[in-house]
Amino acid sequence: MAFTPSKDQRRRDREQKKIDKRIAREAAKVEKLAAEQAAEEAATLEAFYKTEEGIKAKEEADFEAELAAEAAASA
């Protein structure tokens, strides 16, 4: 005779499936919000680098990175 799950077991399986779907939806929302935030920050940074002040800041940051790389290479 074949084994069939009890009604309680099937109910628990359905409830677990619902919980798993809810968790997956919430995780997708979090990932979407994180991606949107990262895109917004990138756009803001890009707009900043197009200003005169941003151009100077980027040049200074690049120069500092070059100095750090040279110091690391010589050490």
N, C-alpha and C. Protein backbone atom coordinates (compact mmCIF):
# COMPACT_ATOMS: atom_id res chain seq x y z
N MET A 1 0.84 -1.17 0.00
CA MET A 1 0.00 0.00 0.00
C MET A 1 0.89 1.25 0.00
N ALA A 2 0.49 2.25 -0.75
CA ALA A 2 1.29 3.47 -0.92
C ALA A 2 1.09 4.38 0.29
N PHE A 3 2.17 5.08 0.61
CA PHE A 3 2.14 6.03 1.73
C PHE A 3 1.57 7.36 1.24
N THR A 4 0.60 7.88 1.95
CA THR A 4 0.08 9.21 1.65
C THR A 4 0.25 10.08 2.90
N PRO A 5 0.69 11.32 2.70
CA PRO A 5 0.90 12.19 3.86
C PRO A 5 -0.44 12.53 4.53
N SER A 6 -0.38 12.77 5.81
CA SER A 6 -1.59 13.13 6.55
C SER A 6 -2.03 14.54 6.16
N LYS A 7 -3.25 14.85 6.54
CA LYS A 7 -3.77 16.20 6.27
C LYS A 7 -2.92 17.25 6.98
N ASP A 8 -2.51 16.94 8.18
CA ASP A 8 -1.67 17.88 8.93
C ASP A 8 -0.34 18.12 8.22
N GLN A 9 0.24 17.06 7.72
CA GLN A 9 1.52 17.19 7.01
C GLN A 9 1.36 18.03 5.75
N ARG A 10 0.30 17.79 5.00
CA ARG A 10 0.05 18.58 3.79
C ARG A 10 -0.18 20.05 4.13
N ARG A 11 -0.91 20.29 5.24
CA ARG A 11 -1.14 21.67 5.67
C ARG A 11 0.18 22.34 6.05
N ARG A 12 1.03 21.64 6.79
CA ARG A 12 2.34 22.19 7.16
C ARG A 12 3.19 22.46 5.92
N ASP A 13 3.12 21.56 4.94
CA ASP A 13 3.87 21.76 3.69
C ASP A 13 3.38 23.00 2.95
N ARG A 14 2.06 23.18 2.88
CA ARG A 14 1.51 24.38 2.20
C ARG A 14 1.94 25.65 2.93
N GLU A 15 1.85 25.63 4.26
CA GLU A 15 2.23 26.80 5.04
C GLU A 15 3.72 27.11 4.87
N GLN A 16 4.55 26.07 4.86
CA GLN A 16 5.99 26.28 4.67
C GLN A 16 6.27 26.86 3.29
N LYS A 17 5.54 26.38 2.30
CA LYS A 17 5.71 26.89 0.94
C LYS A 17 5.35 28.37 0.87
N LYS A 18 4.28 28.75 1.55
CA LYS A 18 3.87 30.16 1.60
C LYS A 18 4.95 31.00 2.29
N ILE A 19 5.49 30.49 3.39
CA ILE A 19 6.53 31.21 4.11
C ILE A 19 7.76 31.38 3.23
N ASP A 20 8.15 30.32 2.53
CA ASP A 20 9.31 30.39 1.64
C ASP A 20 9.10 31.42 0.54
N LYS A 21 7.90 31.46 -0.03
CA LYS A 21 7.61 32.46 -1.07
C LYS A 21 7.68 33.86 -0.50
N ARG A 22 7.15 34.08 0.70
CA ARG A 22 7.17 35.40 1.33
C ARG A 22 8.61 35.84 1.58
N ILE A 23 9.42 34.93 2.08
CA ILE A 23 10.83 35.26 2.33
C ILE A 23 11.53 35.61 1.03
N ALA A 24 11.26 34.86 -0.04
CA ALA A 24 11.88 35.15 -1.33
C ALA A 24 11.44 36.52 -1.85
N ARG A 25 10.16 36.86 -1.69
CA ARG A 25 9.68 38.18 -2.13
C ARG A 25 10.35 39.29 -1.35
N GLU A 26 10.47 39.12 -0.04
CA GLU A 26 11.10 40.14 0.78
C GLU A 26 12.58 40.29 0.43
N ALA A 27 13.25 39.19 0.15
CA ALA A 27 14.65 39.26 -0.24
C ALA A 27 14.80 39.98 -1.57
N ALA A 28 13.88 39.72 -2.51
CA ALA A 28 13.92 40.39 -3.80
C ALA A 28 13.70 41.90 -3.63
N LYS A 29 12.80 42.28 -2.71
CA LYS A 29 12.57 43.70 -2.46
C LYS A 29 13.82 44.37 -1.90
N VAL A 30 14.49 43.68 -0.98
CA VAL A 30 15.70 44.23 -0.38
C VAL A 30 16.78 44.40 -1.45
N GLU A 31 16.94 43.39 -2.31
CA GLU A 31 17.93 43.48 -3.39
C GLU A 31 17.60 44.62 -4.34
N LYS A 32 16.32 44.77 -4.66
CA LYS A 32 15.90 45.84 -5.57
C LYS A 32 16.20 47.21 -4.96
N LEU A 33 15.87 47.38 -3.69
CA LEU A 33 16.14 48.65 -3.02
C LEU A 33 17.63 48.94 -2.96
N ALA A 34 18.43 47.92 -2.69
CA ALA A 34 19.88 48.10 -2.64
C ALA A 34 20.42 48.50 -4.01
N ALA A 35 19.90 47.87 -5.06
CA ALA A 35 20.34 48.20 -6.41
C ALA A 35 19.94 49.63 -6.78
N GLU A 36 18.73 50.01 -6.41
CA GLU A 36 18.27 51.38 -6.69
C GLU A 36 19.12 52.40 -5.93
N GLN A 37 19.43 52.10 -4.68
CA GLN A 37 20.25 53.01 -3.88
C GLN A 37 21.65 53.13 -4.47
N ALA A 38 22.22 52.01 -4.89
CA ALA A 38 23.56 52.05 -5.49
C ALA A 38 23.55 52.86 -6.79
N ALA A 39 22.51 52.68 -7.59
CA ALA A 39 22.40 53.43 -8.84
C ALA A 39 22.25 54.93 -8.56
N GLU A 40 21.48 55.26 -7.54
CA GLU A 40 21.28 56.66 -7.18
C GLU A 40 22.59 57.28 -6.70
N GLU A 41 23.33 56.53 -5.88
CA GLU A 41 24.61 57.04 -5.39
C GLU A 41 25.60 57.22 -6.54
N ALA A 42 25.60 56.28 -7.48
CA ALA A 42 26.49 56.39 -8.63
C ALA A 42 26.13 57.60 -9.48
N ALA A 43 24.84 57.84 -9.66
CA ALA A 43 24.41 59.00 -10.45
C ALA A 43 24.79 60.30 -9.74
N THR A 44 24.63 60.32 -8.43
CA THR A 44 25.00 61.51 -7.67
C THR A 44 26.50 61.77 -7.75
N LEU A 45 27.27 60.71 -7.62
CA LEU A 45 28.72 60.84 -7.70
C LEU A 45 29.15 61.29 -9.10
N GLU A 46 28.52 60.74 -10.12
CA GLU A 46 28.83 61.13 -11.49
C GLU A 46 28.52 62.60 -11.72
N ALA A 47 27.37 63.05 -11.19
CA ALA A 47 27.01 64.47 -11.32
C ALA A 47 28.00 65.34 -10.57
N PHE A 48 28.46 64.87 -9.41
CA PHE A 48 29.45 65.64 -8.64
C PHE A 48 30.75 65.76 -9.42
N TYR A 49 31.18 64.68 -10.06
CA TYR A 49 32.44 64.71 -10.80
C TYR A 49 32.38 65.58 -12.05
N LYS A 50 31.18 65.99 -12.45
CA LYS A 50 31.06 66.89 -13.60
C LYS A 50 31.16 68.36 -13.19
N THR A 51 31.13 68.61 -11.88
CA THR A 51 31.29 69.99 -11.42
C THR A 51 32.78 70.29 -11.27
N GLU A 52 33.10 71.57 -11.22
CA GLU A 52 34.50 71.98 -11.08
C GLU A 52 35.11 71.45 -9.79
N GLU A 53 34.36 71.55 -8.72
CA GLU A 53 34.82 71.06 -7.42
C GLU A 53 35.03 69.54 -7.47
N GLY A 54 34.14 68.85 -8.14
CA GLY A 54 34.24 67.40 -8.27
C GLY A 54 35.44 66.97 -9.09
N ILE A 55 35.72 67.71 -10.13
CA ILE A 55 36.87 67.40 -10.98
C ILE A 55 38.15 67.52 -10.16
N LYS A 56 38.26 68.59 -9.36
CA LYS A 56 39.44 68.76 -8.51
C LYS A 56 39.54 67.64 -7.49
N ALA A 57 38.43 67.26 -6.89
CA ALA A 57 38.43 66.20 -5.89
C ALA A 57 38.85 64.87 -6.51
N LYS A 58 38.37 64.61 -7.72
CA LYS A 58 38.74 63.36 -8.40
C LYS A 58 40.23 63.35 -8.74
N GLU A 59 40.75 64.47 -9.21
CA GLU A 59 42.17 64.55 -9.52
C GLU A 59 43.01 64.33 -8.26
N GLU A 60 42.59 64.93 -7.15
CA GLU A 60 43.32 64.75 -5.89
C GLU A 60 43.26 63.30 -5.42
N ALA A 61 42.11 62.68 -5.56
CA ALA A 61 41.97 61.28 -5.16
C ALA A 61 42.83 60.38 -6.03
N ASP A 62 42.86 60.64 -7.33
CA ASP A 62 43.70 59.86 -8.23
C ASP A 62 45.18 60.03 -7.88
N PHE A 63 45.57 61.26 -7.58
CA PHE A 63 46.96 61.54 -7.21
C PHE A 63 47.33 60.80 -5.92
N GLU A 64 46.45 60.85 -4.93
CA GLU A 64 46.70 60.14 -3.67
C GLU A 64 46.81 58.64 -3.90
N ALA A 65 45.99 58.09 -4.80
CA ALA A 65 46.04 56.67 -5.11
C ALA A 65 47.36 56.32 -5.76
N GLU A 66 47.83 57.18 -6.66
CA GLU A 66 49.12 56.94 -7.31
C GLU A 66 50.26 56.97 -6.29
N LEU A 67 50.22 57.93 -5.37
CA LEU A 67 51.24 58.00 -4.32
C LEU A 67 51.24 56.75 -3.45
N ALA A 68 50.08 56.29 -3.10
CA ALA A 68 49.95 55.10 -2.27
C ALA A 68 50.49 53.88 -3.02
N ALA A 69 50.18 53.80 -4.31
CA ALA A 69 50.66 52.67 -5.11
C ALA A 69 52.19 52.70 -5.23
N GLU A 70 52.75 53.88 -5.43
CA GLU A 70 54.21 54.01 -5.52
C GLU A 70 54.86 53.66 -4.19
N ALA A 71 54.25 54.09 -3.08
CA ALA A 71 54.80 53.79 -1.77
C ALA A 71 54.75 52.28 -1.49
N ALA A 72 53.68 51.66 -1.92
CA ALA A 72 53.55 50.21 -1.71
C ALA A 72 54.53 49.45 -2.59
N ALA A 73 54.78 49.94 -3.79
CA ALA A 73 55.70 49.28 -4.71
C ALA A 73 57.14 49.42 -4.21
N SER A 74 57.47 50.54 -3.62
CA SER A 74 58.85 50.76 -3.17
C SER A 74 59.13 50.09 -1.82
N ALA A 75 58.08 49.76 -1.10
CA ALA A 75 58.27 49.14 0.24
C ALA A 75 58.52 47.66 0.18
